[in-house]
């Protein structure tokens, strides 16, 4: 970002990314056990790779806040404290460290001129995705009295390949969109 102010353009692109995440959340179906399969992981990755740490975290925070206060933005048009604090709420909360680490990866990648900068694009998004899954599994385990391994078998393991692919796809789509987006954000 050119300065520390939150400009109208930044607010607009952040709002557009929140809207994108809401749409990604509605592309969903439920597995047995009530675990929703959505495009949220893709949306989170896209937001992190496009907006970076600061704006990406703001976008996901706004998404969680508007869902918490009752707007139907979560999967299957869910909302409210019961959804955010319910058995699958850990995955929603896990979006924060995920977007933060993906945003940090792209921020460091863009700032670092060394040959090792590509490591950031692998390591930090991987840790972010793992943090999201870990928070989700622990929360699911506690919320349903399942063992940790049973919760992982239901709420994480079946989604790992899809989620890794979603993060990779989010990176490549962000690369396509970043040039025109930067023109809009920097333009006077």
N, C-alpha and C. Protein backbone atom coordinates (compact mmCIF):
# COMPACT_ATOMS: atom_id res chain seq x y z
N UNK A 1 0.83 -1.17 0.00
CA UNK A 1 0.00 0.00 0.00
C UNK A 1 0.88 1.24 0.00
N UNK A 2 0.43 2.27 -0.64
CA UNK A 2 1.23 3.48 -0.76
C UNK A 2 1.30 4.26 0.54
N UNK A 3 0.27 4.21 1.35
CA UNK A 3 0.27 4.93 2.62
C UNK A 3 -0.53 4.13 3.63
N UNK A 4 -0.60 4.64 4.85
CA UNK A 4 -1.29 3.90 5.90
C UNK A 4 -2.78 4.20 5.96
N UNK A 5 -3.27 5.12 5.15
CA UNK A 5 -4.69 5.42 5.14
C UNK A 5 -5.46 4.29 4.46
N UNK A 6 -6.69 4.12 4.90
CA UNK A 6 -7.58 3.15 4.29
C UNK A 6 -8.39 3.92 3.25
N UNK A 7 -7.97 3.86 1.99
CA UNK A 7 -8.56 4.68 0.95
C UNK A 7 -9.90 4.13 0.48
N UNK A 8 -10.63 4.94 -0.25
CA UNK A 8 -11.90 4.51 -0.82
C UNK A 8 -11.69 3.31 -1.75
N UNK A 9 -10.63 3.34 -2.52
CA UNK A 9 -10.35 2.21 -3.42
C UNK A 9 -10.07 0.93 -2.61
N UNK A 10 -9.31 1.05 -1.54
CA UNK A 10 -9.03 -0.11 -0.70
C UNK A 10 -10.31 -0.62 -0.04
N UNK A 11 -11.15 0.29 0.43
CA UNK A 11 -12.43 -0.12 1.02
C UNK A 11 -13.28 -0.85 -0.01
N UNK A 12 -13.28 -0.33 -1.23
CA UNK A 12 -14.09 -0.93 -2.29
C UNK A 12 -13.61 -2.33 -2.63
N UNK A 13 -12.31 -2.49 -2.84
CA UNK A 13 -11.80 -3.81 -3.20
C UNK A 13 -11.95 -4.79 -2.03
N UNK A 14 -11.82 -4.29 -0.81
CA UNK A 14 -12.03 -5.15 0.36
C UNK A 14 -13.48 -5.61 0.41
N UNK A 15 -14.41 -4.69 0.17
CA UNK A 15 -15.84 -5.05 0.15
C UNK A 15 -16.13 -6.05 -0.98
N UNK A 16 -15.51 -5.86 -2.13
CA UNK A 16 -15.71 -6.80 -3.24
C UNK A 16 -15.18 -8.19 -2.88
N UNK A 17 -14.09 -8.24 -2.16
CA UNK A 17 -13.54 -9.53 -1.75
C UNK A 17 -14.41 -10.19 -0.68
N UNK A 18 -15.01 -9.39 0.20
CA UNK A 18 -15.98 -9.94 1.17
C UNK A 18 -17.15 -10.54 0.40
N UNK A 19 -17.65 -9.82 -0.60
CA UNK A 19 -18.76 -10.33 -1.41
C UNK A 19 -18.36 -11.61 -2.14
N UNK A 20 -17.13 -11.66 -2.64
CA UNK A 20 -16.63 -12.87 -3.31
C UNK A 20 -16.62 -14.04 -2.34
N UNK A 21 -16.18 -13.81 -1.11
CA UNK A 21 -16.16 -14.87 -0.10
C UNK A 21 -17.57 -15.33 0.24
N UNK A 22 -18.51 -14.41 0.30
CA UNK A 22 -19.91 -14.77 0.56
C UNK A 22 -20.42 -15.69 -0.54
N UNK A 23 -20.14 -15.36 -1.79
CA UNK A 23 -20.56 -16.20 -2.91
C UNK A 23 -19.88 -17.57 -2.82
N UNK A 24 -18.58 -17.59 -2.54
CA UNK A 24 -17.86 -18.85 -2.40
C UNK A 24 -18.45 -19.71 -1.28
N UNK A 25 -18.96 -19.07 -0.25
CA UNK A 25 -19.55 -19.79 0.88
C UNK A 25 -20.86 -20.47 0.51
N UNK A 26 -21.55 -19.94 -0.47
CA UNK A 26 -22.85 -20.49 -0.85
C UNK A 26 -22.74 -21.61 -1.88
N UNK A 27 -21.57 -21.77 -2.47
CA UNK A 27 -21.33 -22.90 -3.36
C UNK A 27 -20.98 -24.06 -2.44
N UNK A 28 -22.01 -24.77 -1.96
CA UNK A 28 -21.81 -25.71 -0.87
C UNK A 28 -22.75 -26.91 -0.96
N UNK A 29 -22.29 -27.99 -0.35
CA UNK A 29 -23.14 -29.14 -0.07
C UNK A 29 -22.62 -29.77 1.22
N UNK A 30 -23.49 -30.49 1.92
CA UNK A 30 -23.11 -31.07 3.21
C UNK A 30 -22.75 -32.54 3.06
N UNK A 31 -21.70 -32.93 3.75
CA UNK A 31 -21.35 -34.34 3.88
C UNK A 31 -22.11 -34.91 5.07
N UNK A 32 -22.21 -36.23 5.16
CA UNK A 32 -22.80 -36.81 6.37
C UNK A 32 -22.05 -36.30 7.60
N UNK A 33 -22.78 -35.95 8.63
CA UNK A 33 -22.19 -35.37 9.82
C UNK A 33 -22.31 -33.86 9.84
N UNK A 34 -22.86 -33.28 8.77
CA UNK A 34 -23.13 -31.85 8.75
C UNK A 34 -21.95 -30.97 8.38
N UNK A 35 -20.86 -31.54 7.89
CA UNK A 35 -19.70 -30.74 7.51
C UNK A 35 -19.93 -30.19 6.11
N UNK A 36 -19.99 -28.86 5.97
CA UNK A 36 -20.21 -28.29 4.64
C UNK A 36 -18.94 -28.28 3.80
N UNK A 37 -19.08 -28.67 2.53
CA UNK A 37 -18.00 -28.57 1.56
C UNK A 37 -18.29 -27.33 0.74
N UNK A 38 -17.38 -26.37 0.76
CA UNK A 38 -17.61 -25.09 0.10
C UNK A 38 -16.39 -24.67 -0.70
N UNK A 39 -16.52 -23.51 -1.32
CA UNK A 39 -15.40 -22.88 -2.02
C UNK A 39 -14.74 -21.82 -1.12
N UNK A 40 -15.01 -21.87 0.18
CA UNK A 40 -14.48 -20.86 1.09
C UNK A 40 -12.95 -20.86 1.12
N UNK A 41 -12.34 -22.04 1.11
CA UNK A 41 -10.88 -22.09 1.14
C UNK A 41 -10.29 -21.38 -0.07
N UNK A 42 -10.90 -21.59 -1.23
CA UNK A 42 -10.47 -20.87 -2.43
C UNK A 42 -10.64 -19.36 -2.22
N UNK A 43 -11.79 -18.95 -1.69
CA UNK A 43 -12.04 -17.53 -1.45
C UNK A 43 -11.03 -16.91 -0.50
N UNK A 44 -10.71 -17.62 0.58
CA UNK A 44 -9.74 -17.12 1.55
C UNK A 44 -8.36 -16.99 0.89
N UNK A 45 -7.96 -18.00 0.12
CA UNK A 45 -6.66 -17.94 -0.56
C UNK A 45 -6.63 -16.79 -1.55
N UNK A 46 -7.68 -16.63 -2.33
CA UNK A 46 -7.74 -15.55 -3.30
C UNK A 46 -7.61 -14.19 -2.61
N UNK A 47 -8.33 -14.02 -1.51
CA UNK A 47 -8.27 -12.77 -0.75
C UNK A 47 -6.85 -12.52 -0.24
N UNK A 48 -6.25 -13.53 0.37
CA UNK A 48 -4.90 -13.37 0.90
C UNK A 48 -3.88 -13.03 -0.17
N UNK A 49 -3.93 -13.76 -1.29
CA UNK A 49 -2.97 -13.53 -2.36
C UNK A 49 -3.19 -12.20 -3.07
N UNK A 50 -4.44 -11.75 -3.15
CA UNK A 50 -4.72 -10.48 -3.82
C UNK A 50 -4.50 -9.27 -2.92
N UNK A 51 -4.94 -9.37 -1.67
CA UNK A 51 -4.96 -8.19 -0.81
C UNK A 51 -3.79 -8.11 0.16
N UNK A 52 -3.10 -9.21 0.39
CA UNK A 52 -2.01 -9.18 1.35
C UNK A 52 -2.51 -9.28 2.78
N UNK A 53 -1.60 -9.08 3.71
CA UNK A 53 -1.90 -9.30 5.13
C UNK A 53 -2.96 -8.36 5.67
N UNK A 54 -2.75 -7.06 5.51
CA UNK A 54 -3.62 -6.07 6.14
C UNK A 54 -5.05 -6.12 5.59
N UNK A 55 -5.20 -5.89 4.30
CA UNK A 55 -6.55 -5.84 3.72
C UNK A 55 -7.20 -7.22 3.71
N UNK A 56 -6.41 -8.27 3.52
CA UNK A 56 -6.96 -9.61 3.54
C UNK A 56 -7.55 -9.97 4.89
N UNK A 57 -6.82 -9.64 5.95
CA UNK A 57 -7.32 -9.91 7.31
C UNK A 57 -8.55 -9.06 7.61
N UNK A 58 -8.55 -7.82 7.16
CA UNK A 58 -9.73 -6.97 7.35
C UNK A 58 -10.93 -7.58 6.63
N UNK A 59 -10.74 -8.03 5.40
CA UNK A 59 -11.85 -8.60 4.63
C UNK A 59 -12.44 -9.82 5.33
N UNK A 60 -11.60 -10.73 5.79
CA UNK A 60 -12.09 -11.93 6.47
C UNK A 60 -12.71 -11.57 7.82
N UNK A 61 -12.13 -10.61 8.53
CA UNK A 61 -12.72 -10.15 9.79
C UNK A 61 -14.10 -9.57 9.58
N UNK A 62 -14.27 -8.78 8.52
CA UNK A 62 -15.59 -8.21 8.21
C UNK A 62 -16.58 -9.33 7.89
N UNK A 63 -16.15 -10.30 7.10
CA UNK A 63 -16.99 -11.45 6.77
C UNK A 63 -17.48 -12.16 8.04
N UNK A 64 -16.56 -12.44 8.95
CA UNK A 64 -16.93 -13.12 10.20
C UNK A 64 -17.85 -12.25 11.05
N UNK A 65 -17.56 -10.97 11.11
CA UNK A 65 -18.37 -10.05 11.91
C UNK A 65 -19.80 -9.95 11.37
N UNK A 66 -19.95 -9.80 10.06
CA UNK A 66 -21.31 -9.66 9.54
C UNK A 66 -22.08 -10.98 9.66
N UNK A 67 -21.37 -12.10 9.60
CA UNK A 67 -22.03 -13.38 9.87
C UNK A 67 -22.42 -13.52 11.32
N UNK A 68 -21.56 -13.07 12.21
CA UNK A 68 -21.84 -13.12 13.65
C UNK A 68 -23.07 -12.31 14.02
N UNK A 69 -23.23 -11.13 13.41
CA UNK A 69 -24.37 -10.28 13.78
C UNK A 69 -25.67 -10.71 13.11
N UNK A 70 -25.61 -11.71 12.23
CA UNK A 70 -26.85 -12.28 11.73
C UNK A 70 -27.10 -12.22 10.24
N UNK A 71 -26.21 -11.62 9.47
CA UNK A 71 -26.40 -11.65 8.02
C UNK A 71 -26.04 -13.05 7.51
N UNK A 72 -26.84 -13.63 6.63
CA UNK A 72 -26.65 -15.03 6.21
C UNK A 72 -25.51 -15.20 5.20
N UNK A 73 -24.28 -15.10 5.68
CA UNK A 73 -23.12 -15.14 4.79
C UNK A 73 -22.33 -16.44 4.87
N UNK A 74 -22.54 -17.22 5.91
CA UNK A 74 -21.81 -18.47 6.05
C UNK A 74 -22.41 -19.53 5.12
N UNK A 75 -21.80 -20.69 5.05
CA UNK A 75 -22.28 -21.73 4.14
C UNK A 75 -23.75 -22.03 4.39
N UNK A 76 -24.43 -22.36 3.31
CA UNK A 76 -25.87 -22.64 3.36
C UNK A 76 -26.66 -21.51 4.01
N UNK A 77 -26.22 -20.29 3.79
CA UNK A 77 -26.86 -19.07 4.30
C UNK A 77 -26.96 -19.06 5.83
N UNK A 78 -26.00 -19.69 6.49
CA UNK A 78 -25.97 -19.69 7.95
C UNK A 78 -25.47 -18.35 8.48
N UNK A 79 -25.80 -18.09 9.75
CA UNK A 79 -25.35 -16.85 10.39
C UNK A 79 -25.54 -16.96 11.89
N UNK A 80 -25.04 -15.96 12.57
CA UNK A 80 -25.27 -15.81 14.00
C UNK A 80 -24.23 -16.49 14.87
N UNK A 81 -24.31 -16.19 16.17
CA UNK A 81 -23.35 -16.76 17.12
C UNK A 81 -23.39 -18.28 17.16
N UNK A 82 -24.57 -18.87 17.00
CA UNK A 82 -24.67 -20.33 17.06
C UNK A 82 -23.87 -20.98 15.93
N UNK A 83 -23.85 -20.37 14.78
CA UNK A 83 -23.09 -20.92 13.65
C UNK A 83 -21.59 -20.71 13.86
N UNK A 84 -21.23 -19.51 14.30
CA UNK A 84 -19.81 -19.20 14.49
C UNK A 84 -19.23 -19.96 15.68
N UNK A 85 -20.02 -20.17 16.71
CA UNK A 85 -19.53 -20.85 17.90
C UNK A 85 -19.91 -22.32 17.94
N UNK A 86 -20.65 -22.80 16.93
CA UNK A 86 -21.08 -24.19 16.86
C UNK A 86 -19.94 -25.13 16.52
N UNK A 87 -20.25 -26.41 16.32
CA UNK A 87 -19.22 -27.42 16.10
C UNK A 87 -18.27 -27.15 14.93
N UNK A 88 -18.75 -26.50 13.88
CA UNK A 88 -17.87 -26.23 12.73
C UNK A 88 -17.33 -24.80 12.74
N UNK A 89 -17.58 -24.06 13.79
CA UNK A 89 -17.12 -22.68 13.88
C UNK A 89 -15.61 -22.52 13.90
N UNK A 90 -14.90 -23.54 14.33
CA UNK A 90 -13.44 -23.47 14.35
C UNK A 90 -12.84 -23.28 12.97
N UNK A 91 -13.50 -23.85 11.97
CA UNK A 91 -13.02 -23.66 10.60
C UNK A 91 -13.19 -22.20 10.19
N UNK A 92 -14.31 -21.59 10.57
CA UNK A 92 -14.53 -20.18 10.27
C UNK A 92 -13.49 -19.31 10.97
N UNK A 93 -13.26 -19.55 12.25
CA UNK A 93 -12.25 -18.80 13.00
C UNK A 93 -10.87 -19.05 12.39
N UNK A 94 -10.64 -20.27 11.92
CA UNK A 94 -9.37 -20.63 11.30
C UNK A 94 -9.07 -19.87 10.02
N UNK A 95 -10.10 -19.24 9.44
CA UNK A 95 -9.85 -18.42 8.25
C UNK A 95 -8.94 -17.24 8.56
N UNK A 96 -8.98 -16.74 9.79
CA UNK A 96 -8.14 -15.58 10.14
C UNK A 96 -6.64 -15.89 10.07
N UNK A 97 -6.15 -16.92 10.77
CA UNK A 97 -4.71 -17.20 10.61
C UNK A 97 -4.36 -17.64 9.19
N UNK A 98 -5.31 -18.29 8.51
CA UNK A 98 -5.03 -18.71 7.14
C UNK A 98 -4.82 -17.52 6.22
N UNK A 99 -5.74 -16.56 6.24
CA UNK A 99 -5.60 -15.39 5.36
C UNK A 99 -4.41 -14.54 5.77
N UNK A 100 -4.17 -14.46 7.07
CA UNK A 100 -3.04 -13.68 7.56
C UNK A 100 -1.72 -14.25 7.02
N UNK A 101 -1.56 -15.56 7.09
CA UNK A 101 -0.31 -16.19 6.65
C UNK A 101 -0.19 -16.20 5.12
N UNK A 102 -1.29 -16.37 4.42
CA UNK A 102 -1.24 -16.29 2.96
C UNK A 102 -0.91 -14.86 2.54
N UNK A 103 -1.53 -13.89 3.19
CA UNK A 103 -1.22 -12.49 2.90
C UNK A 103 0.22 -12.16 3.20
N UNK A 104 0.73 -12.66 4.32
CA UNK A 104 2.13 -12.44 4.68
C UNK A 104 3.05 -13.07 3.63
N UNK A 105 2.68 -14.25 3.14
CA UNK A 105 3.49 -14.91 2.11
C UNK A 105 3.62 -14.04 0.87
N UNK A 106 2.52 -13.49 0.41
CA UNK A 106 2.59 -12.67 -0.81
C UNK A 106 3.28 -11.35 -0.53
N UNK A 107 3.08 -10.79 0.67
CA UNK A 107 3.79 -9.55 1.03
C UNK A 107 5.30 -9.78 1.04
N UNK A 108 5.74 -10.88 1.67
CA UNK A 108 7.17 -11.18 1.72
C UNK A 108 7.71 -11.53 0.34
N UNK A 109 6.93 -12.25 -0.44
CA UNK A 109 7.34 -12.59 -1.80
C UNK A 109 7.58 -11.33 -2.62
N UNK A 110 6.67 -10.38 -2.50
CA UNK A 110 6.78 -9.14 -3.28
C UNK A 110 7.92 -8.25 -2.81
N UNK A 111 8.29 -8.32 -1.53
CA UNK A 111 9.36 -7.48 -0.98
C UNK A 111 10.74 -8.11 -1.12
N UNK A 112 10.81 -9.42 -1.13
CA UNK A 112 12.08 -10.14 -1.07
C UNK A 112 12.60 -10.41 -2.47
N UNK A 113 13.82 -9.98 -2.73
CA UNK A 113 14.42 -10.16 -4.05
C UNK A 113 15.34 -11.38 -4.13
N UNK A 114 15.47 -12.14 -3.07
CA UNK A 114 16.38 -13.28 -3.08
C UNK A 114 15.75 -14.48 -3.76
N UNK A 115 16.58 -15.44 -4.10
CA UNK A 115 16.09 -16.63 -4.78
C UNK A 115 15.20 -17.48 -3.88
N UNK A 116 15.32 -17.33 -2.58
CA UNK A 116 14.51 -18.12 -1.65
C UNK A 116 13.10 -17.61 -1.45
N UNK A 117 12.73 -16.57 -2.15
CA UNK A 117 11.41 -15.97 -1.91
C UNK A 117 10.26 -16.90 -2.27
N UNK A 118 10.48 -17.86 -3.17
CA UNK A 118 9.42 -18.79 -3.53
C UNK A 118 9.06 -19.71 -2.36
N UNK A 119 9.99 -19.87 -1.42
CA UNK A 119 9.71 -20.67 -0.23
C UNK A 119 8.52 -20.08 0.53
N UNK A 120 8.46 -18.73 0.59
CA UNK A 120 7.34 -18.09 1.30
C UNK A 120 6.00 -18.51 0.71
N UNK A 121 5.95 -18.67 -0.60
CA UNK A 121 4.69 -19.02 -1.27
C UNK A 121 4.27 -20.46 -1.01
N UNK A 122 5.17 -21.27 -0.51
CA UNK A 122 4.82 -22.64 -0.16
C UNK A 122 4.62 -22.81 1.34
N UNK A 123 5.57 -22.32 2.11
CA UNK A 123 5.58 -22.58 3.55
C UNK A 123 4.43 -21.87 4.28
N UNK A 124 4.31 -20.57 4.11
CA UNK A 124 3.30 -19.83 4.88
C UNK A 124 1.86 -20.21 4.53
N UNK A 125 1.50 -20.35 3.25
CA UNK A 125 0.13 -20.82 2.97
C UNK A 125 -0.13 -22.23 3.52
N UNK A 126 0.90 -23.09 3.50
CA UNK A 126 0.74 -24.44 4.06
C UNK A 126 0.48 -24.38 5.56
N UNK A 127 1.22 -23.52 6.26
CA UNK A 127 1.01 -23.36 7.70
C UNK A 127 -0.37 -22.76 7.96
N UNK A 128 -0.77 -21.80 7.14
CA UNK A 128 -2.09 -21.19 7.29
C UNK A 128 -3.21 -22.19 7.11
N UNK A 129 -3.11 -23.02 6.08
CA UNK A 129 -4.12 -24.05 5.85
C UNK A 129 -4.13 -25.07 6.99
N UNK A 130 -2.94 -25.45 7.45
CA UNK A 130 -2.85 -26.39 8.58
C UNK A 130 -3.46 -25.79 9.84
N UNK A 131 -3.23 -24.50 10.07
CA UNK A 131 -3.82 -23.83 11.25
C UNK A 131 -5.34 -23.83 11.16
N UNK A 132 -5.87 -23.57 9.98
CA UNK A 132 -7.32 -23.58 9.79
C UNK A 132 -7.88 -24.97 10.08
N UNK A 133 -7.24 -25.98 9.54
CA UNK A 133 -7.70 -27.35 9.77
C UNK A 133 -7.57 -27.73 11.25
N UNK A 134 -6.46 -27.36 11.87
CA UNK A 134 -6.25 -27.70 13.28
C UNK A 134 -7.30 -27.04 14.17
N UNK A 135 -7.53 -25.75 13.97
CA UNK A 135 -8.57 -25.07 14.75
C UNK A 135 -9.93 -25.72 14.52
N UNK A 136 -10.22 -26.04 13.28
CA UNK A 136 -11.50 -26.67 12.96
C UNK A 136 -11.67 -28.02 13.62
N UNK A 137 -10.63 -28.84 13.57
CA UNK A 137 -10.70 -30.19 14.14
C UNK A 137 -10.81 -30.13 15.66
N UNK A 138 -10.00 -29.29 16.30
CA UNK A 138 -10.08 -29.17 17.76
C UNK A 138 -11.46 -28.69 18.17
N UNK A 139 -11.97 -27.67 17.49
CA UNK A 139 -13.29 -27.11 17.80
C UNK A 139 -14.38 -28.17 17.58
N UNK A 140 -14.30 -28.91 16.48
CA UNK A 140 -15.27 -29.96 16.19
C UNK A 140 -15.20 -31.06 17.24
N UNK A 141 -14.00 -31.43 17.64
CA UNK A 141 -13.81 -32.45 18.66
C UNK A 141 -14.44 -32.04 19.98
N UNK A 142 -14.18 -30.82 20.40
CA UNK A 142 -14.74 -30.31 21.66
C UNK A 142 -16.25 -30.14 21.56
N UNK A 143 -16.72 -29.62 20.42
CA UNK A 143 -18.14 -29.32 20.25
C UNK A 143 -19.03 -30.53 20.08
N UNK A 144 -18.45 -31.67 19.72
CA UNK A 144 -19.26 -32.86 19.48
C UNK A 144 -18.86 -34.04 20.36
N UNK A 145 -17.90 -33.84 21.25
CA UNK A 145 -17.37 -34.90 22.11
C UNK A 145 -16.76 -36.05 21.31
N UNK A 146 -16.30 -35.75 20.10
CA UNK A 146 -15.55 -36.75 19.32
C UNK A 146 -14.10 -36.72 19.78
N UNK A 147 -13.41 -37.82 19.56
CA UNK A 147 -11.97 -37.78 19.79
C UNK A 147 -11.34 -36.90 18.72
N UNK A 148 -10.12 -36.46 18.98
CA UNK A 148 -9.43 -35.63 17.99
C UNK A 148 -9.29 -36.38 16.67
N UNK A 149 -8.92 -37.66 16.74
CA UNK A 149 -8.73 -38.44 15.52
C UNK A 149 -10.03 -38.64 14.76
N UNK A 150 -11.13 -38.86 15.50
CA UNK A 150 -12.43 -39.01 14.84
C UNK A 150 -12.84 -37.71 14.17
N UNK A 151 -12.60 -36.59 14.85
CA UNK A 151 -12.93 -35.28 14.26
C UNK A 151 -12.07 -35.01 13.03
N UNK A 152 -10.80 -35.39 13.09
CA UNK A 152 -9.92 -35.21 11.92
C UNK A 152 -10.38 -36.09 10.76
N UNK A 153 -10.83 -37.30 11.07
CA UNK A 153 -11.30 -38.22 10.02
C UNK A 153 -12.54 -37.69 9.32
N UNK A 154 -13.38 -36.95 10.04
CA UNK A 154 -14.61 -36.41 9.48
C UNK A 154 -14.42 -35.00 8.93
N UNK A 155 -13.64 -34.18 9.65
CA UNK A 155 -13.61 -32.75 9.34
C UNK A 155 -12.35 -32.21 8.71
N UNK A 156 -11.36 -33.06 8.46
CA UNK A 156 -10.12 -32.55 7.87
C UNK A 156 -9.59 -33.44 6.75
N UNK A 157 -9.35 -34.68 7.06
CA UNK A 157 -8.69 -35.58 6.10
C UNK A 157 -9.41 -35.63 4.75
N UNK A 158 -10.75 -35.73 4.72
CA UNK A 158 -11.42 -35.78 3.41
C UNK A 158 -11.25 -34.50 2.58
N UNK A 159 -10.84 -33.40 3.20
CA UNK A 159 -10.80 -32.11 2.52
C UNK A 159 -9.39 -31.63 2.18
N UNK A 160 -8.39 -32.34 2.63
CA UNK A 160 -7.01 -31.85 2.48
C UNK A 160 -6.64 -31.64 1.01
N UNK A 161 -6.89 -32.61 0.17
CA UNK A 161 -6.51 -32.47 -1.24
C UNK A 161 -7.30 -31.34 -1.89
N UNK A 162 -8.60 -31.26 -1.63
CA UNK A 162 -9.42 -30.19 -2.19
C UNK A 162 -8.93 -28.84 -1.71
N UNK A 163 -8.59 -28.74 -0.44
CA UNK A 163 -8.15 -27.46 0.12
C UNK A 163 -6.77 -27.04 -0.41
N UNK A 164 -5.87 -27.98 -0.57
CA UNK A 164 -4.57 -27.66 -1.17
C UNK A 164 -4.77 -27.17 -2.60
N UNK A 165 -5.62 -27.88 -3.35
CA UNK A 165 -5.91 -27.45 -4.73
C UNK A 165 -6.57 -26.07 -4.74
N UNK A 166 -7.42 -25.80 -3.76
CA UNK A 166 -8.09 -24.49 -3.68
C UNK A 166 -7.09 -23.37 -3.44
N UNK A 167 -6.10 -23.61 -2.58
CA UNK A 167 -5.08 -22.59 -2.31
C UNK A 167 -4.23 -22.36 -3.56
N UNK A 168 -3.86 -23.44 -4.23
CA UNK A 168 -3.07 -23.30 -5.46
C UNK A 168 -3.87 -22.54 -6.52
N UNK A 169 -5.13 -22.90 -6.70
CA UNK A 169 -5.99 -22.21 -7.66
C UNK A 169 -6.14 -20.74 -7.28
N UNK A 170 -6.31 -20.48 -5.98
CA UNK A 170 -6.41 -19.10 -5.51
C UNK A 170 -5.18 -18.29 -5.88
N UNK A 171 -4.01 -18.90 -5.77
CA UNK A 171 -2.77 -18.21 -6.14
C UNK A 171 -2.76 -17.86 -7.63
N UNK A 172 -3.10 -18.83 -8.47
CA UNK A 172 -3.03 -18.58 -9.91
C UNK A 172 -4.10 -17.59 -10.37
N UNK A 173 -5.29 -17.66 -9.82
CA UNK A 173 -6.33 -16.68 -10.17
C UNK A 173 -5.91 -15.29 -9.68
N UNK A 174 -5.30 -15.23 -8.50
CA UNK A 174 -4.82 -13.94 -7.98
C UNK A 174 -3.75 -13.36 -8.90
N UNK A 175 -2.90 -14.20 -9.46
CA UNK A 175 -1.88 -13.70 -10.38
C UNK A 175 -2.51 -13.09 -11.62
N UNK A 176 -3.58 -13.70 -12.10
CA UNK A 176 -4.28 -13.17 -13.26
C UNK A 176 -4.95 -11.83 -12.94
N UNK A 177 -5.52 -11.73 -11.74
CA UNK A 177 -6.28 -10.53 -11.36
C UNK A 177 -5.42 -9.42 -10.78
N UNK A 178 -4.21 -9.73 -10.32
CA UNK A 178 -3.44 -8.73 -9.57
C UNK A 178 -3.00 -7.53 -10.41
N UNK A 179 -2.65 -7.75 -11.65
CA UNK A 179 -2.20 -6.62 -12.47
C UNK A 179 -3.32 -5.60 -12.69
N UNK A 180 -4.50 -6.02 -13.16
CA UNK A 180 -5.57 -5.02 -13.30
C UNK A 180 -6.01 -4.43 -11.96
N UNK A 181 -5.97 -5.24 -10.90
CA UNK A 181 -6.35 -4.74 -9.58
C UNK A 181 -5.37 -3.68 -9.10
N UNK A 182 -4.09 -3.92 -9.29
CA UNK A 182 -3.08 -2.92 -8.89
C UNK A 182 -3.26 -1.61 -9.64
N UNK A 183 -3.65 -1.68 -10.89
CA UNK A 183 -3.91 -0.45 -11.65
C UNK A 183 -5.05 0.34 -11.02
N UNK A 184 -6.08 -0.37 -10.59
CA UNK A 184 -7.23 0.30 -9.97
C UNK A 184 -6.84 0.88 -8.62
N UNK A 185 -6.07 0.13 -7.82
CA UNK A 185 -5.70 0.60 -6.49
C UNK A 185 -4.72 1.77 -6.52
N UNK A 186 -3.82 1.78 -7.49
CA UNK A 186 -2.79 2.81 -7.53
C UNK A 186 -3.25 4.04 -8.30
N UNK A 187 -4.17 3.86 -9.21
CA UNK A 187 -4.65 4.96 -10.06
C UNK A 187 -5.19 6.11 -9.20
N UNK A 188 -4.85 7.33 -9.58
CA UNK A 188 -5.29 8.50 -8.82
C UNK A 188 -6.72 8.85 -9.10
